[in-house]
C-alpha cells in the first residue's frame, strides 16, 4: 500500500486547484441562488395562510387522524 505525506497532499491540491475551480465554475453556470429574509409581516401572513389551509383540509376530510401519532393526508 502506498503512503503519502501531508506535504505531498498539499502540493497535489495546489497543483490541481485552478482546474478544480474552473470545473466548479463551469458546472454552476455562474448563477447563485438569491435569497432574502422575509419581513415579519410576510412571515405572519404566510403562517396564517398555511394554518388556514391545514384547517380547511381537516374540514373537508383530506387529513384524517389514524392514530395517536399518525395521520393520513389525501393529497389529491
C-alpha atoms as a PDB file:
ATOM      1  CA  UNK A   1       0.000   0.000   0.000  1.00  0.00           C
ATOM      2  CA  UNK A   2       1.250   3.473  -0.907  1.00  0.00           C
ATOM      3  CA  UNK A   3       1.812   6.055   1.801  1.00  0.00           C
ATOM      4  CA  UNK A   4       1.531   9.776   1.146  1.00  0.00           C
ATOM      5  CA  UNK A   5       2.795  12.549   3.348  1.00  0.00           C
ATOM      6  CA  UNK A   6       0.758  15.600   4.186  1.00  0.00           C
ATOM      7  CA  UNK A   7       3.121  17.821   2.226  1.00  0.00           C
ATOM      8  CA  UNK A   8       2.521  15.722  -0.910  1.00  0.00           C
ATOM      9  CA  UNK A   9      -1.229  16.107  -0.454  1.00  0.00           C
ATOM     10  CA  UNK A  10      -0.828  19.874  -0.092  1.00  0.00           C
ATOM     11  CA  UNK A  11       1.284  20.032  -3.256  1.00  0.00           C
ATOM     12  CA  UNK A  12      -1.312  17.997  -5.155  1.00  0.00           C
ATOM     13  CA  UNK A  13      -4.077  20.342  -4.003  1.00  0.00           C
ATOM     14  CA  UNK A  14      -2.109  23.411  -5.075  1.00  0.00           C
ATOM     15  CA  UNK A  15      -1.311  21.835  -8.452  1.00  0.00           C
ATOM     16  CA  UNK A  16      -4.959  20.990  -9.236  1.00  0.00           C
ATOM     17  CA  UNK A  17      -6.706  23.961  -7.609  1.00  0.00           C
ATOM     18  CA  UNK A  18      -7.130  26.013 -10.812  1.00  0.00           C
ATOM     19  CA  UNK A  19      -8.609  23.080 -12.750  1.00  0.00           C
ATOM     20  CA  UNK A  20     -10.980  22.176  -9.917  1.00  0.00           C
ATOM     21  CA  UNK A  21     -12.189  25.756  -9.536  1.00  0.00           C
ATOM     22  CA  UNK A  22     -12.731  26.008 -13.305  1.00  0.00           C
ATOM     23  CA  UNK A  23     -14.831  22.847 -13.288  1.00  0.00           C
ATOM     24  CA  UNK A  24     -16.920  24.136 -10.390  1.00  0.00           C
ATOM     25  CA  UNK A  25     -17.476  27.486 -12.127  1.00  0.00           C
ATOM     26  CA  UNK A  26     -18.408  25.870 -15.439  1.00  0.00           C
ATOM     27  CA  UNK A  27     -20.969  23.499 -13.923  1.00  0.00           C
ATOM     28  CA  UNK A  28     -22.703  26.123 -11.775  1.00  0.00           C
ATOM     29  CA  UNK A  29     -23.416  28.407 -14.773  1.00  0.00           C
ATOM     30  CA  UNK A  30     -22.267  31.367 -12.705  1.00  0.00           C
ATOM     31  CA  UNK A  31     -25.673  31.763 -11.063  1.00  0.00           C
ATOM     32  CA  UNK A  32     -26.010  31.720  -7.321  1.00  0.00           C
ATOM     33  CA  UNK A  33     -29.353  31.251  -5.683  1.00  0.00           C
ATOM     34  CA  UNK A  34     -30.518  34.566  -4.340  1.00  0.00           C
ATOM     35  CA  UNK A  35     -32.415  34.587  -1.109  1.00  0.00           C
ATOM     36  CA  UNK A  36     -33.618  37.297   1.164  1.00  0.00           C
ATOM     37  CA  UNK A  37     -35.000  37.253   4.643  1.00  0.00           C
ATOM     38  CA  UNK A  38     -38.733  37.602   4.916  1.00  0.00           C
ATOM     39  CA  UNK A  39     -40.229  40.597   6.661  1.00  0.00           C
ATOM     40  CA  UNK A  40     -42.138  39.935   9.899  1.00  0.00           C
ATOM     41  CA  UNK A  41     -45.399  40.819   8.148  1.00  0.00           C
ATOM     42  CA  UNK A  42     -44.688  38.372   5.340  1.00  0.00           C
ATOM     43  CA  UNK A  43     -43.881  35.604   7.841  1.00  0.00           C
ATOM     44  CA  UNK A  44     -47.115  36.290   9.725  1.00  0.00           C
ATOM     45  CA  UNK A  45     -49.181  36.263   6.511  1.00  0.00           C
ATOM     46  CA  UNK A  46     -47.634  33.006   5.286  1.00  0.00           C
ATOM     47  CA  UNK A  47     -48.201  31.382   8.680  1.00  0.00           C
ATOM     48  CA  UNK A  48     -51.858  32.420   8.651  1.00  0.00           C
ATOM     49  CA  UNK A  49     -52.281  31.073   5.116  1.00  0.00           C
ATOM     50  CA  UNK A  50     -50.726  27.717   5.982  1.00  0.00           C
ATOM     51  CA  UNK A  51     -52.812  27.364   9.163  1.00  0.00           C
ATOM     52  CA  UNK A  52     -55.980  28.194   7.226  1.00  0.00           C
ATOM     53  CA  UNK A  53     -55.112  25.634   4.520  1.00  0.00           C
ATOM     54  CA  UNK A  54     -54.445  22.978   7.189  1.00  0.00           C
ATOM     55  CA  UNK A  55     -57.761  23.678   8.946  1.00  0.00           C
ATOM     56  CA  UNK A  56     -59.606  23.631   5.599  1.00  0.00           C
ATOM     57  CA  UNK A  57     -58.029  20.240   4.773  1.00  0.00           C
ATOM     58  CA  UNK A  58     -59.253  18.880   8.116  1.00  0.00           C
ATOM     59  CA  UNK A  59     -62.766  20.231   7.465  1.00  0.00           C
ATOM     60  CA  UNK A  60     -63.070  18.566   4.054  1.00  0.00           C
ATOM     61  CA  UNK A  61     -61.616  15.305   5.456  1.00  0.00           C
ATOM     62  CA  UNK A  62     -58.375  15.400   3.475  1.00  0.00           C
ATOM     63  CA  UNK A  63     -56.469  14.945   6.728  1.00  0.00           C
ATOM     64  CA  UNK A  64     -57.609  12.075   8.936  1.00  0.00           C
ATOM     65  CA  UNK A  65     -56.010  11.199  12.267  1.00  0.00           C
ATOM     66  CA  UNK A  66     -55.354   7.444  12.108  1.00  0.00           C
ATOM     67  CA  UNK A  67     -53.652   7.016  15.459  1.00  0.00           C
ATOM     68  CA  UNK A  68     -52.153   8.820  18.389  1.00  0.00           C
ATOM     69  CA  UNK A  69     -49.139   9.961  16.367  1.00  0.00           C
ATOM     70  CA  UNK A  70     -50.106   9.295  12.757  1.00  0.00           C
ATOM     71  CA  UNK A  71     -52.300  10.941  10.154  1.00  0.00           C
ATOM     72  CA  UNK A  72     -53.469  10.220   6.644  1.00  0.00           C
ATOM     73  CA  UNK A  73     -53.346  13.038   4.084  1.00  0.00           C
ATOM     74  CA  UNK A  74     -55.270  12.678   0.827  1.00  0.00           C
ATOM     75  CA  UNK A  75     -53.111  14.863  -1.406  1.00  0.00           C
ATOM     76  CA  UNK A  76     -55.421  14.656  -4.459  1.00  0.00           C
END
